C-alpha cells in the first residue's frame, strides 16, 4: 500500500510538472511569436519610415502658418470688408450676399529625400488651389445660390535643406502662379478700358528663397521672390494683367502648449510686393490684346491670426489686408476677417 501511494504521488507530480512545462513552453512560444511580430512590424515600418506626403510634427513648425503662399489646406468663412471696392458691378447684388467663403486645397510631395546625421535634403513639388465664393440669401444668381468668383493656383518645384529639424532653407527655382475668371463673373472695369469686358487669365513664373527657424515656442521666417516670366506672349496675343516683379516677406508664429496636443497659436505676417498693374485693351472681336497703361508700385501685405492648434488642425480667427490674388479685384486692396480652419498634411 505504501508503494502504491508513492507511485500515485510520482504520477501526480509528473502530471503537474508536465502541465507546467507545457504552459511554460506555450508561454515561450507566444513570447517568441510576439517578438517576431514586433521585429516584422519594425522592419515594415522602416521601409516606409519617410512619408513624402506628410511632414513630421517638428517640421510642421518650419512652415509659415499665416503666409498666404504657404501650402496649407484651409476653409475660410467670414466677411470681405472691402467688397464694395472689389466688386463694383451692381450685378453682384452684394446686399443679398449673406456669406463670403473660400476653399484652399494644398499639399506638398517630397519624393526625393536623404538624411545624413542631423542634415536632411529634400526635393519636391507643391500645389495649392484657392477658390473664392459668394453665398446668396434665398436667391438663385446665375448658376445657383453660391457662385464662384475666381480661382488662384500656385505650383512650385523646391529644394529643402534642413538642419536638426530646427532650421530650413528652401530654394524654389520655379514657382508658377495663375488665376482664372469663373463663368459667374459679371465684369470689373479695373483691368479693362471703358466699355470692354475682356480680362485675360493670369500666368507668371518666378523664383523664391526662404528661411525658417524654430526656437522653442517661436517660428521665424522670411523670404524673397523674383519674377522672370515674359510679360507678353505675341504668339498667343496674350498680356498678363499683373505680376509681382519683386517681393519680400517676414513673419513669426507662436505656439504655446495648453493641454495635451492642444496649443494656443498666434502670429503675424508682413510682406511688400513690387507689382506691375496693367490696363488691358481688346479689339472688337477680342482676338488681340495690348496693355494701354502700366503702373508699378509697392503694395504691402499683412495677416494676423490667433486660435488653437490640435495636432495638425488649427481653428483660428484671421484678419488680412493685401492686394487680392484673384484677377477680378487685383487693382484694389482686399480686406478680410473671419474664421479659418487649417490642416497640415
C-alpha atoms as a PDB file:
ATOM      1  CA  UNK A   1       0.000   0.000   0.000  1.00  0.00           C
ATOM      2  CA  UNK A   2       2.856   2.280   0.791  1.00  0.00           C
ATOM      3  CA  UNK A   3       4.450   1.610  -2.593  1.00  0.00           C
ATOM      4  CA  UNK A   4       1.146   2.353  -4.319  1.00  0.00           C
ATOM      5  CA  UNK A   5       0.873   5.704  -2.554  1.00  0.00           C
ATOM      6  CA  UNK A   6       4.400   6.587  -3.614  1.00  0.00           C
ATOM      7  CA  UNK A   7       3.612   5.625  -7.204  1.00  0.00           C
ATOM      8  CA  UNK A   8       0.445   7.761  -7.225  1.00  0.00           C
ATOM      9  CA  UNK A   9       2.404  10.682  -5.775  1.00  0.00           C
ATOM     10  CA  UNK A  10       5.029  10.346  -8.525  1.00  0.00           C
ATOM     11  CA  UNK A  11       2.369  10.198 -11.227  1.00  0.00           C
ATOM     12  CA  UNK A  12       0.548  13.248  -9.858  1.00  0.00           C
ATOM     13  CA  UNK A  13       3.800  15.210  -9.555  1.00  0.00           C
ATOM     14  CA  UNK A  14       4.819  14.217 -13.068  1.00  0.00           C
ATOM     15  CA  UNK A  15       1.446  15.344 -14.386  1.00  0.00           C
ATOM     16  CA  UNK A  16       1.663  18.681 -12.597  1.00  0.00           C
ATOM     17  CA  UNK A  17       5.225  19.290 -13.747  1.00  0.00           C
ATOM     18  CA  UNK A  18       4.244  18.251 -17.266  1.00  0.00           C
ATOM     19  CA  UNK A  19       1.406  20.758 -17.311  1.00  0.00           C
ATOM     20  CA  UNK A  20       3.707  23.478 -16.013  1.00  0.00           C
ATOM     21  CA  UNK A  21       6.284  22.572 -18.650  1.00  0.00           C
ATOM     22  CA  UNK A  22       3.633  22.718 -21.363  1.00  0.00           C
ATOM     23  CA  UNK A  23       2.391  26.061 -20.098  1.00  0.00           C
ATOM     24  CA  UNK A  24       5.970  27.326 -19.930  1.00  0.00           C
ATOM     25  CA  UNK A  25       6.678  26.097 -23.457  1.00  0.00           C
ATOM     26  CA  UNK A  26       3.432  27.668 -24.647  1.00  0.00           C
ATOM     27  CA  UNK A  27       4.363  30.934 -22.961  1.00  0.00           C
ATOM     28  CA  UNK A  28       7.821  30.868 -24.526  1.00  0.00           C
ATOM     29  CA  UNK A  29       6.271  30.170 -27.926  1.00  0.00           C
ATOM     30  CA  UNK A  30       3.920  33.157 -27.521  1.00  0.00           C
ATOM     31  CA  UNK A  31       6.808  35.396 -26.469  1.00  0.00           C
ATOM     32  CA  UNK A  32       8.819  34.249 -29.477  1.00  0.00           C
ATOM     33  CA  UNK A  33       5.858  34.904 -31.776  1.00  0.00           C
ATOM     34  CA  UNK A  34       5.308  38.354 -30.213  1.00  0.00           C
ATOM     35  CA  UNK A  35       8.977  39.179 -30.676  1.00  0.00           C
ATOM     36  CA  UNK A  36       8.931  38.052 -34.304  1.00  0.00           C
ATOM     37  CA  UNK A  37       5.770  40.046 -34.997  1.00  0.00           C
ATOM     38  CA  UNK A  38       7.346  43.089 -33.382  1.00  0.00           C
ATOM     39  CA  UNK A  39      10.504  42.694 -35.472  1.00  0.00           C
ATOM     40  CA  UNK A  40       8.400  42.267 -38.609  1.00  0.00           C
ATOM     41  CA  UNK A  41       6.385  45.394 -37.760  1.00  0.00           C
ATOM     42  CA  UNK A  42       9.519  47.459 -37.157  1.00  0.00           C
ATOM     43  CA  UNK A  43      11.087  46.148 -40.353  1.00  0.00           C
ATOM     44  CA  UNK A  44       7.945  47.005 -42.352  1.00  0.00           C
ATOM     45  CA  UNK A  45       7.750  50.473 -40.835  1.00  0.00           C
ATOM     46  CA  UNK A  46      11.400  51.065 -41.649  1.00  0.00           C
ATOM     47  CA  UNK A  47      10.629  50.516 -45.313  1.00  0.00           C
ATOM     48  CA  UNK A  48       8.195  53.487 -45.126  1.00  0.00           C
ATOM     49  CA  UNK A  49       9.963  55.496 -42.462  1.00  0.00           C
ATOM     50  CA  UNK A  50       9.642  58.638 -44.562  1.00  0.00           C
ATOM     51  CA  UNK A  51       6.255  59.651 -45.979  1.00  0.00           C
ATOM     52  CA  UNK A  52       6.741  62.074 -48.916  1.00  0.00           C
ATOM     53  CA  UNK A  53       3.200  63.434 -48.483  1.00  0.00           C
ATOM     54  CA  UNK A  54       3.430  64.254 -44.788  1.00  0.00           C
ATOM     55  CA  UNK A  55       5.728  66.417 -42.683  1.00  0.00           C
ATOM     56  CA  UNK A  56       6.765  65.493 -39.163  1.00  0.00           C
ATOM     57  CA  UNK A  57       5.416  67.268 -36.089  1.00  0.00           C
ATOM     58  CA  UNK A  58       8.741  69.108 -35.763  1.00  0.00           C
ATOM     59  CA  UNK A  59       8.927  70.125 -39.428  1.00  0.00           C
ATOM     60  CA  UNK A  60       5.348  71.371 -39.269  1.00  0.00           C
ATOM     61  CA  UNK A  61       6.777  74.294 -37.313  1.00  0.00           C
ATOM     62  CA  UNK A  62       9.048  75.149 -40.259  1.00  0.00           C
ATOM     63  CA  UNK A  63       6.080  76.410 -42.283  1.00  0.00           C
ATOM     64  CA  UNK A  64       4.671  79.924 -42.142  1.00  0.00           C
ATOM     65  CA  UNK A  65       1.140  79.333 -40.868  1.00  0.00           C
ATOM     66  CA  UNK A  66      -0.055  82.858 -41.757  1.00  0.00           C
ATOM     67  CA  UNK A  67       1.860  83.112 -45.032  1.00  0.00           C
ATOM     68  CA  UNK A  68      -0.771  83.427 -47.818  1.00  0.00           C
ATOM     69  CA  UNK A  69       1.566  81.469 -50.116  1.00  0.00           C
ATOM     70  CA  UNK A  70       2.076  78.523 -47.766  1.00  0.00           C
ATOM     71  CA  UNK A  71       0.819  75.124 -48.878  1.00  0.00           C
ATOM     72  CA  UNK A  72      -1.695  74.568 -46.078  1.00  0.00           C
ATOM     73  CA  UNK A  73      -5.236  73.442 -46.867  1.00  0.00           C
ATOM     74  CA  UNK A  74      -7.940  75.576 -45.297  1.00  0.00           C
ATOM     75  CA  UNK A  75     -11.560  76.704 -45.331  1.00  0.00           C
ATOM     76  CA  UNK A  76     -12.257  80.368 -44.561  1.00  0.00           C
ATOM     77  CA  UNK A  77     -15.675  81.817 -43.712  1.00  0.00           C
ATOM     78  CA  UNK A  78     -16.252  85.479 -42.992  1.00  0.00           C
ATOM     79  CA  UNK A  79     -16.706  88.912 -44.496  1.00  0.00           C
ATOM     80  CA  UNK A  80     -14.826  90.915 -47.103  1.00  0.00           C
ATOM     81  CA  UNK A  81     -14.760  94.413 -45.611  1.00  0.00           C
ATOM     82  CA  UNK A  82     -13.689  95.912 -48.931  1.00  0.00           C
ATOM     83  CA  UNK A  83     -16.360  94.204 -51.036  1.00  0.00           C
ATOM     84  CA  UNK A  84     -17.789  97.462 -52.403  1.00  0.00           C
ATOM     85  CA  UNK A  85     -14.350  98.409 -53.730  1.00  0.00           C
ATOM     86  CA  UNK A  86     -13.552  94.906 -55.038  1.00  0.00           C
ATOM     87  CA  UNK A  87     -16.882  94.050 -56.688  1.00  0.00           C
ATOM     88  CA  UNK A  88     -18.107  97.318 -58.158  1.00  0.00           C
ATOM     89  CA  UNK A  89     -20.550  95.946 -60.726  1.00  0.00           C
ATOM     90  CA  UNK A  90     -24.149  96.261 -59.413  1.00  0.00           C
ATOM     91  CA  UNK A  91     -24.959  92.844 -60.893  1.00  0.00           C
ATOM     92  CA  UNK A  92     -23.224  91.295 -57.907  1.00  0.00           C
ATOM     93  CA  UNK A  93     -26.142  92.437 -55.704  1.00  0.00           C
ATOM     94  CA  UNK A  94     -23.959  92.483 -52.609  1.00  0.00           C
ATOM     95  CA  UNK A  95     -26.913  93.377 -50.395  1.00  0.00           C
ATOM     96  CA  UNK A  96     -28.196  89.818 -50.929  1.00  0.00           C
ATOM     97  CA  UNK A  97     -24.876  88.133 -50.052  1.00  0.00           C
ATOM     98  CA  UNK A  98     -25.029  86.513 -46.618  1.00  0.00           C
ATOM     99  CA  UNK A  99     -21.557  84.962 -46.520  1.00  0.00           C
ATOM    100  CA  UNK A 100     -18.169  85.077 -48.197  1.00  0.00           C
ATOM    101  CA  UNK A 101     -16.052  81.950 -48.081  1.00  0.00           C
ATOM    102  CA  UNK A 102     -13.059  80.367 -49.746  1.00  0.00           C
ATOM    103  CA  UNK A 103     -11.679  76.850 -50.051  1.00  0.00           C
ATOM    104  CA  UNK A 104      -7.963  76.226 -50.391  1.00  0.00           C
ATOM    105  CA  UNK A 105      -6.685  72.751 -51.265  1.00  0.00           C
ATOM    106  CA  UNK A 106      -2.925  72.458 -50.871  1.00  0.00           C
ATOM    107  CA  UNK A 107      -0.217  69.879 -50.294  1.00  0.00           C
ATOM    108  CA  UNK A 108       3.466  69.147 -50.761  1.00  0.00           C
ATOM    109  CA  UNK A 109       5.128  65.992 -52.069  1.00  0.00           C
ATOM    110  CA  UNK A 110       8.834  65.363 -51.469  1.00  0.00           C
ATOM    111  CA  UNK A 111       9.672  62.031 -53.140  1.00  0.00           C
ATOM    112  CA  UNK A 112      13.446  62.551 -53.083  1.00  0.00           C
ATOM    113  CA  UNK A 113      14.921  62.725 -49.597  1.00  0.00           C
ATOM    114  CA  UNK A 114      18.001  61.603 -47.706  1.00  0.00           C
ATOM    115  CA  UNK A 115      19.372  62.271 -44.232  1.00  0.00           C
ATOM    116  CA  UNK A 116      22.974  62.409 -43.030  1.00  0.00           C
ATOM    117  CA  UNK A 117      23.260  62.806 -39.256  1.00  0.00           C
ATOM    118  CA  UNK A 118      21.251  65.977 -38.460  1.00  0.00           C
ATOM    119  CA  UNK A 119      21.092  67.221 -42.052  1.00  0.00           C
ATOM    120  CA  UNK A 120      18.217  66.424 -44.419  1.00  0.00           C
ATOM    121  CA  UNK A 121      17.914  67.218 -48.102  1.00  0.00           C
ATOM    122  CA  UNK A 122      14.645  67.060 -49.985  1.00  0.00           C
ATOM    123  CA  UNK A 123      13.418  67.738 -53.475  1.00  0.00           C
ATOM    124  CA  UNK A 124       9.727  68.060 -54.153  1.00  0.00           C
ATOM    125  CA  UNK A 125       6.761  69.855 -55.612  1.00  0.00           C
ATOM    126  CA  UNK A 126       3.852  71.742 -54.056  1.00  0.00           C
ATOM    127  CA  UNK A 127       0.388  72.707 -55.249  1.00  0.00           C
ATOM    128  CA  UNK A 128      -2.432  74.897 -53.983  1.00  0.00           C
ATOM    129  CA  UNK A 129      -5.782  75.994 -55.416  1.00  0.00           C
ATOM    130  CA  UNK A 130      -7.725  78.795 -53.752  1.00  0.00           C
ATOM    131  CA  UNK A 131     -11.360  79.260 -54.800  1.00  0.00           C
ATOM    132  CA  UNK A 132     -13.347  82.281 -53.638  1.00  0.00           C
ATOM    133  CA  UNK A 133     -17.145  82.059 -53.412  1.00  0.00           C
ATOM    134  CA  UNK A 134     -20.228  84.101 -52.517  1.00  0.00           C
ATOM    135  CA  UNK A 135     -23.329  82.752 -50.800  1.00  0.00           C
ATOM    136  CA  UNK A 136     -26.653  84.443 -51.575  1.00  0.00           C
ATOM    137  CA  UNK A 137     -29.630  84.539 -49.276  1.00  0.00           C
ATOM    138  CA  UNK A 138     -32.722  82.989 -50.818  1.00  0.00           C
ATOM    139  CA  UNK A 139     -31.985  83.755 -54.446  1.00  0.00           C
ATOM    140  CA  UNK A 140     -30.580  81.935 -57.449  1.00  0.00           C
ATOM    141  CA  UNK A 141     -27.834  84.000 -59.038  1.00  0.00           C
ATOM    142  CA  UNK A 142     -26.784  82.753 -62.469  1.00  0.00           C
ATOM    143  CA  UNK A 143     -25.863  79.104 -61.715  1.00  0.00           C
ATOM    144  CA  UNK A 144     -27.119  78.760 -58.159  1.00  0.00           C
ATOM    145  CA  UNK A 145     -27.291  80.339 -54.728  1.00  0.00           C
ATOM    146  CA  UNK A 146     -23.487  80.034 -54.281  1.00  0.00           C
ATOM    147  CA  UNK A 147     -21.226  81.279 -57.067  1.00  0.00           C
ATOM    148  CA  UNK A 148     -17.500  81.137 -57.769  1.00  0.00           C
ATOM    149  CA  UNK A 149     -15.810  84.491 -58.278  1.00  0.00           C
ATOM    150  CA  UNK A 150     -12.445  83.215 -59.482  1.00  0.00           C
ATOM    151  CA  UNK A 151      -9.625  80.857 -58.630  1.00  0.00           C
ATOM    152  CA  UNK A 152      -5.943  81.284 -57.868  1.00  0.00           C
ATOM    153  CA  UNK A 153      -3.439  78.431 -58.233  1.00  0.00           C
ATOM    154  CA  UNK A 154       0.195  78.097 -57.286  1.00  0.00           C
ATOM    155  CA  UNK A 155       2.624  75.296 -58.227  1.00  0.00           C
ATOM    156  CA  UNK A 156       6.318  75.059 -57.441  1.00  0.00           C
ATOM    157  CA  UNK A 157       9.447  72.942 -57.592  1.00  0.00           C
ATOM    158  CA  UNK A 158      11.555  73.277 -54.447  1.00  0.00           C
ATOM    159  CA  UNK A 159      14.731  72.068 -52.740  1.00  0.00           C
ATOM    160  CA  UNK A 160      14.816  71.918 -48.924  1.00  0.00           C
ATOM    161  CA  UNK A 161      17.951  71.962 -46.772  1.00  0.00           C
ATOM    162  CA  UNK A 162      17.045  71.124 -43.152  1.00  0.00           C
ATOM    163  CA  UNK A 163      19.306  71.095 -40.101  1.00  0.00           C
ATOM    164  CA  UNK A 164      18.190  69.284 -36.935  1.00  0.00           C
ATOM    165  CA  UNK A 165      14.503  69.952 -37.773  1.00  0.00           C
ATOM    166  CA  UNK A 166      15.004  73.492 -36.474  1.00  0.00           C
ATOM    167  CA  UNK A 167      16.406  75.391 -39.450  1.00  0.00           C
ATOM    168  CA  UNK A 168      15.182  75.088 -43.052  1.00  0.00           C
ATOM    169  CA  UNK A 169      16.355  76.847 -46.192  1.00  0.00           C
ATOM    170  CA  UNK A 170      14.091  76.440 -49.205  1.00  0.00           C
ATOM    171  CA  UNK A 171      15.150  77.291 -52.730  1.00  0.00           C
ATOM    172  CA  UNK A 172      12.304  77.387 -55.229  1.00  0.00           C
ATOM    173  CA  UNK A 173      13.787  77.739 -58.719  1.00  0.00           C
ATOM    174  CA  UNK A 174      10.342  77.719 -60.330  1.00  0.00           C
ATOM    175  CA  UNK A 175       7.008  78.847 -58.965  1.00  0.00           C
ATOM    176  CA  UNK A 176       4.038  79.192 -61.333  1.00  0.00           C
ATOM    177  CA  UNK A 177       1.092  81.385 -60.398  1.00  0.00           C
ATOM    178  CA  UNK A 178      -2.154  81.541 -62.347  1.00  0.00           C
ATOM    179  CA  UNK A 179      -5.627  82.972 -61.818  1.00  0.00           C
ATOM    180  CA  UNK A 180      -8.759  82.478 -63.884  1.00  0.00           C
ATOM    181  CA  UNK A 181     -12.117  84.181 -64.218  1.00  0.00           C
ATOM    182  CA  UNK A 182     -15.094  81.963 -63.474  1.00  0.00           C
ATOM    183  CA  UNK A 183     -18.217  81.701 -65.602  1.00  0.00           C
ATOM    184  CA  UNK A 184     -20.088  83.639 -62.916  1.00  0.00           C
ATOM    185  CA  UNK A 185     -18.010  86.755 -63.463  1.00  0.00           C
ATOM    186  CA  UNK A 186     -20.018  89.910 -64.207  1.00  0.00           C
ATOM    187  CA  UNK A 187     -17.255  92.284 -65.229  1.00  0.00           C
ATOM    188  CA  UNK A 188     -14.874  94.657 -63.476  1.00  0.00           C
ATOM    189  CA  UNK A 189     -13.631  97.803 -65.189  1.00  0.00           C
ATOM    190  CA  UNK A 190     -10.449  97.763 -63.115  1.00  0.00           C
ATOM    191  CA  UNK A 191      -8.433  95.867 -65.729  1.00  0.00           C
ATOM    192  CA  UNK A 192     -10.079  96.923 -68.958  1.00  0.00           C
ATOM    193  CA  UNK A 193     -10.610 100.022 -70.984  1.00  0.00           C
ATOM    194  CA  UNK A 194     -14.075 101.503 -70.526  1.00  0.00           C
ATOM    195  CA  UNK A 195     -16.706  99.509 -72.385  1.00  0.00           C
ATOM    196  CA  UNK A 196     -14.554  96.389 -72.601  1.00  0.00           C
ATOM    197  CA  UNK A 197     -15.078  93.246 -70.533  1.00  0.00           C
ATOM    198  CA  UNK A 198     -12.059  91.192 -71.545  1.00  0.00           C
ATOM    199  CA  UNK A 199      -9.673  90.252 -68.773  1.00  0.00           C
ATOM    200  CA  UNK A 200      -7.040  87.677 -69.723  1.00  0.00           C
ATOM    201  CA  UNK A 201      -6.147  84.899 -67.327  1.00  0.00           C
ATOM    202  CA  UNK A 202      -3.018  85.382 -65.283  1.00  0.00           C
ATOM    203  CA  UNK A 203       0.082  83.241 -65.692  1.00  0.00           C
ATOM    204  CA  UNK A 204       3.516  84.184 -64.332  1.00  0.00           C
ATOM    205  CA  UNK A 205       6.673  82.379 -63.175  1.00  0.00           C
ATOM    206  CA  UNK A 206       9.290  83.313 -60.620  1.00  0.00           C
ATOM    207  CA  UNK A 207      11.929  82.166 -58.148  1.00  0.00           C
ATOM    208  CA  UNK A 208      11.933  82.204 -54.340  1.00  0.00           C
ATOM    209  CA  UNK A 209      14.385  81.920 -51.448  1.00  0.00           C
ATOM    210  CA  UNK A 210      13.006  81.266 -47.947  1.00  0.00           C
ATOM    211  CA  UNK A 211      14.470  80.680 -44.490  1.00  0.00           C
ATOM    212  CA  UNK A 212      12.636  79.184 -41.471  1.00  0.00           C
ATOM    213  CA  UNK A 213      13.882  78.828 -37.900  1.00  0.00           C
ATOM    214  CA  UNK A 214      12.129  77.283 -34.899  1.00  0.00           C
ATOM    215  CA  UNK A 215      13.197  78.247 -31.395  1.00  0.00           C
ATOM    216  CA  UNK A 216      11.120  76.875 -28.522  1.00  0.00           C
ATOM    217  CA  UNK A 217       7.604  78.354 -28.887  1.00  0.00           C
ATOM    218  CA  UNK A 218       8.556  80.591 -31.822  1.00  0.00           C
ATOM    219  CA  UNK A 219       8.918  80.112 -35.575  1.00  0.00           C
ATOM    220  CA  UNK A 220      10.614  82.908 -37.511  1.00  0.00           C
ATOM    221  CA  UNK A 221      10.639  83.021 -41.295  1.00  0.00           C
ATOM    222  CA  UNK A 222      11.295  85.285 -44.256  1.00  0.00           C
ATOM    223  CA  UNK A 223      11.816  85.148 -47.985  1.00  0.00           C
ATOM    224  CA  UNK A 224      12.445  86.855 -51.322  1.00  0.00           C
ATOM    225  CA  UNK A 225      10.631  86.424 -54.642  1.00  0.00           C
ATOM    226  CA  UNK A 226      11.715  87.360 -58.173  1.00  0.00           C
ATOM    227  CA  UNK A 227       9.681  87.264 -61.370  1.00  0.00           C
ATOM    228  CA  UNK A 228      11.356  86.061 -64.565  1.00  0.00           C
ATOM    229  CA  UNK A 229       8.433  85.234 -66.876  1.00  0.00           C
ATOM    230  CA  UNK A 230       7.688  87.091 -70.094  1.00  0.00           C
ATOM    231  CA  UNK A 231       5.040  89.800 -69.545  1.00  0.00           C
ATOM    232  CA  UNK A 232       3.719  89.366 -73.111  1.00  0.00           C
ATOM    233  CA  UNK A 233       3.217  86.427 -75.444  1.00  0.00           C
ATOM    234  CA  UNK A 234       2.972  87.682 -79.047  1.00  0.00           C
ATOM    235  CA  UNK A 235       2.166  84.208 -80.369  1.00  0.00           C
ATOM    236  CA  UNK A 236      -0.944  83.842 -78.222  1.00  0.00           C
ATOM    237  CA  UNK A 237      -1.764  87.576 -78.285  1.00  0.00           C
ATOM    238  CA  UNK A 238      -1.758  87.329 -74.519  1.00  0.00           C
ATOM    239  CA  UNK A 239      -0.803  90.023 -71.994  1.00  0.00           C
ATOM    240  CA  UNK A 240      -0.604  89.435 -68.256  1.00  0.00           C
ATOM    241  CA  UNK A 241      -2.738  91.931 -66.287  1.00  0.00           C
ATOM    242  CA  UNK A 242      -0.406  91.954 -63.284  1.00  0.00           C
ATOM    243  CA  UNK A 243       2.813  90.453 -61.967  1.00  0.00           C
ATOM    244  CA  UNK A 244       4.870  90.602 -58.794  1.00  0.00           C
ATOM    245  CA  UNK A 245       8.261  91.693 -60.113  1.00  0.00           C
ATOM    246  CA  UNK A 246       9.949  91.531 -56.709  1.00  0.00           C
ATOM    247  CA  UNK A 247       8.784  90.883 -53.183  1.00  0.00           C
ATOM    248  CA  UNK A 248       9.874  90.035 -49.676  1.00  0.00           C
ATOM    249  CA  UNK A 249       8.107  88.854 -46.555  1.00  0.00           C
ATOM    250  CA  UNK A 250       8.778  88.162 -42.880  1.00  0.00           C
ATOM    251  CA  UNK A 251       6.681  86.595 -40.163  1.00  0.00           C
ATOM    252  CA  UNK A 252       6.511  84.744 -36.894  1.00  0.00           C
ATOM    253  CA  UNK A 253       4.260  82.041 -35.432  1.00  0.00           C
ATOM    254  CA  UNK A 254       3.927  81.433 -31.691  1.00  0.00           C
ATOM    255  CA  UNK A 255       2.763  78.084 -30.277  1.00  0.00           C
ATOM    256  CA  UNK A 256       2.133  77.854 -26.521  1.00  0.00           C
ATOM    257  CA  UNK A 257       1.178  74.417 -25.116  1.00  0.00           C
ATOM    258  CA  UNK A 258      -2.169  74.482 -23.317  1.00  0.00           C
ATOM    259  CA  UNK A 259      -3.145  70.866 -22.688  1.00  0.00           C
ATOM    260  CA  UNK A 260      -2.127  67.577 -24.288  1.00  0.00           C
ATOM    261  CA  UNK A 261      -1.851  68.057 -28.049  1.00  0.00           C
ATOM    262  CA  UNK A 262      -3.584  71.447 -27.890  1.00  0.00           C
ATOM    263  CA  UNK A 263      -1.604  74.661 -28.391  1.00  0.00           C
ATOM    264  CA  UNK A 264      -2.583  78.281 -28.403  1.00  0.00           C
ATOM    265  CA  UNK A 265      -1.233  79.665 -31.666  1.00  0.00           C
ATOM    266  CA  UNK A 266      -0.888  83.241 -32.856  1.00  0.00           C
ATOM    267  CA  UNK A 267       1.328  85.215 -35.197  1.00  0.00           C
ATOM    268  CA  UNK A 268       1.788  87.965 -37.725  1.00  0.00           C
ATOM    269  CA  UNK A 269       2.880  88.027 -41.371  1.00  0.00           C
ATOM    270  CA  UNK A 270       4.109  91.097 -43.255  1.00  0.00           C
ATOM    271  CA  UNK A 271       5.225  91.449 -46.851  1.00  0.00           C
ATOM    272  CA  UNK A 272       5.937  94.010 -49.552  1.00  0.00           C
ATOM    273  CA  UNK A 273       5.453  93.338 -53.263  1.00  0.00           C
ATOM    274  CA  UNK A 274       6.677  95.469 -56.140  1.00  0.00           C
ATOM    275  CA  UNK A 275       3.842  94.835 -58.576  1.00  0.00           C
ATOM    276  CA  UNK A 276       3.120  95.707 -62.172  1.00  0.00           C
ATOM    277  CA  UNK A 277      -0.558  96.549 -62.842  1.00  0.00           C
ATOM    278  CA  UNK A 278      -1.841  96.892 -66.402  1.00  0.00           C
ATOM    279  CA  UNK A 279      -4.994  98.117 -68.114  1.00  0.00           C
ATOM    280  CA  UNK A 280      -5.755  95.709 -70.959  1.00  0.00           C
ATOM    281  CA  UNK A 281      -7.308  96.709 -74.283  1.00  0.00           C
ATOM    282  CA  UNK A 282      -9.033  94.188 -76.565  1.00  0.00           C
ATOM    283  CA  UNK A 283     -10.081  94.762 -80.152  1.00  0.00           C
ATOM    284  CA  UNK A 284     -13.688  94.369 -81.261  1.00  0.00           C
ATOM    285  CA  UNK A 285     -13.562  90.610 -81.831  1.00  0.00           C
ATOM    286  CA  UNK A 286     -11.203  90.135 -78.839  1.00  0.00           C
ATOM    287  CA  UNK A 287      -8.567  88.330 -80.886  1.00  0.00           C
ATOM    288  CA  UNK A 288      -5.739  90.660 -79.850  1.00  0.00           C
ATOM    289  CA  UNK A 289      -4.788  92.207 -76.512  1.00  0.00           C
ATOM    290  CA  UNK A 290      -2.455  95.026 -75.600  1.00  0.00           C
ATOM    291  CA  UNK A 291      -1.555  96.957 -72.462  1.00  0.00           C
ATOM    292  CA  UNK A 292      -2.722 100.554 -72.820  1.00  0.00           C
ATOM    293  CA  UNK A 293      -1.264 101.630 -69.460  1.00  0.00           C
ATOM    294  CA  UNK A 294       1.038 100.233 -66.818  1.00  0.00           C
ATOM    295  CA  UNK A 295       1.655 101.076 -63.161  1.00  0.00           C
ATOM    296  CA  UNK A 296       4.470  99.838 -60.965  1.00  0.00           C
ATOM    297  CA  UNK A 297       4.378 100.365 -57.207  1.00  0.00           C
ATOM    298  CA  UNK A 298       4.976  98.766 -53.806  1.00  0.00           C
ATOM    299  CA  UNK A 299       1.987  97.142 -52.116  1.00  0.00           C
ATOM    300  CA  UNK A 300       2.005  95.807 -48.527  1.00  0.00           C
ATOM    301  CA  UNK A 301       0.528  92.573 -47.191  1.00  0.00           C
ATOM    302  CA  UNK A 302      -0.441  91.992 -43.562  1.00  0.00           C
ATOM    303  CA  UNK A 303      -2.046  88.946 -41.927  1.00  0.00           C
ATOM    304  CA  UNK A 304      -2.823  88.496 -38.211  1.00  0.00           C
ATOM    305  CA  UNK A 305      -4.308  85.410 -36.589  1.00  0.00           C
ATOM    306  CA  UNK A 306      -4.955  83.685 -33.274  1.00  0.00           C
ATOM    307  CA  UNK A 307      -6.548  80.376 -32.376  1.00  0.00           C
ATOM    308  CA  UNK A 308      -5.993  76.835 -31.148  1.00  0.00           C
ATOM    309  CA  UNK A 309      -3.998  74.012 -32.684  1.00  0.00           C
ATOM    310  CA  UNK A 310      -4.997  70.376 -32.250  1.00  0.00           C
ATOM    311  CA  UNK A 311      -2.212  68.154 -33.592  1.00  0.00           C
ATOM    312  CA  UNK A 312      -2.358  69.059 -37.313  1.00  0.00           C
ATOM    313  CA  UNK A 313      -5.524  71.159 -37.197  1.00  0.00           C
ATOM    314  CA  UNK A 314      -5.869  74.868 -36.425  1.00  0.00           C
ATOM    315  CA  UNK A 315      -9.112  76.742 -35.738  1.00  0.00           C
ATOM    316  CA  UNK A 316      -8.476  80.470 -35.665  1.00  0.00           C
ATOM    317  CA  UNK A 317      -9.698  83.989 -36.279  1.00  0.00           C
ATOM    318  CA  UNK A 318      -7.825  85.781 -39.056  1.00  0.00           C
ATOM    319  CA  UNK A 319      -7.559  89.305 -40.427  1.00  0.00           C
ATOM    320  CA  UNK A 320      -5.796  90.119 -43.696  1.00  0.00           C
ATOM    321  CA  UNK A 321      -5.249  93.114 -45.933  1.00  0.00           C
ATOM    322  CA  UNK A 322      -3.472  92.654 -49.237  1.00  0.00           C
ATOM    323  CA  UNK A 323      -3.878  93.002 -52.946  1.00  0.00           C
ATOM    324  CA  UNK A 324      -6.253  90.264 -53.976  1.00  0.00           C
ATOM    325  CA  UNK A 325      -4.744  87.294 -55.753  1.00  0.00           C
ATOM    326  CA  UNK A 326      -7.935  86.992 -57.799  1.00  0.00           C
ATOM    327  CA  UNK A 327      -7.787  88.843 -61.106  1.00  0.00           C
ATOM    328  CA  UNK A 328     -11.214  90.435 -60.740  1.00  0.00           C
ATOM    329  CA  UNK A 329     -10.069  92.733 -57.940  1.00  0.00           C
ATOM    330  CA  UNK A 330      -6.291  92.944 -58.083  1.00  0.00           C
ATOM    331  CA  UNK A 331      -6.422  96.692 -58.759  1.00  0.00           C
ATOM    332  CA  UNK A 332      -7.792  97.215 -55.243  1.00  0.00           C
ATOM    333  CA  UNK A 333      -6.954  96.024 -51.750  1.00  0.00           C
ATOM    334  CA  UNK A 334      -8.855  93.091 -50.333  1.00  0.00           C
ATOM    335  CA  UNK A 335      -9.562  93.303 -46.603  1.00  0.00           C
ATOM    336  CA  UNK A 336     -10.974  90.178 -44.953  1.00  0.00           C
ATOM    337  CA  UNK A 337     -11.888  88.990 -41.475  1.00  0.00           C
ATOM    338  CA  UNK A 338     -13.284  85.609 -40.495  1.00  0.00           C
ATOM    339  CA  UNK A 339     -12.839  82.113 -39.084  1.00  0.00           C
ATOM    340  CA  UNK A 340     -10.244  79.828 -40.652  1.00  0.00           C
ATOM    341  CA  UNK A 341      -9.942  76.032 -40.425  1.00  0.00           C
ATOM    342  CA  UNK A 342      -6.453  74.847 -41.446  1.00  0.00           C
ATOM    343  CA  UNK A 343      -4.916  71.390 -41.768  1.00  0.00           C
ATOM    344  CA  UNK A 344      -1.260  70.410 -42.195  1.00  0.00           C
ATOM    345  CA  UNK A 345      -0.793  67.325 -44.381  1.00  0.00           C
END
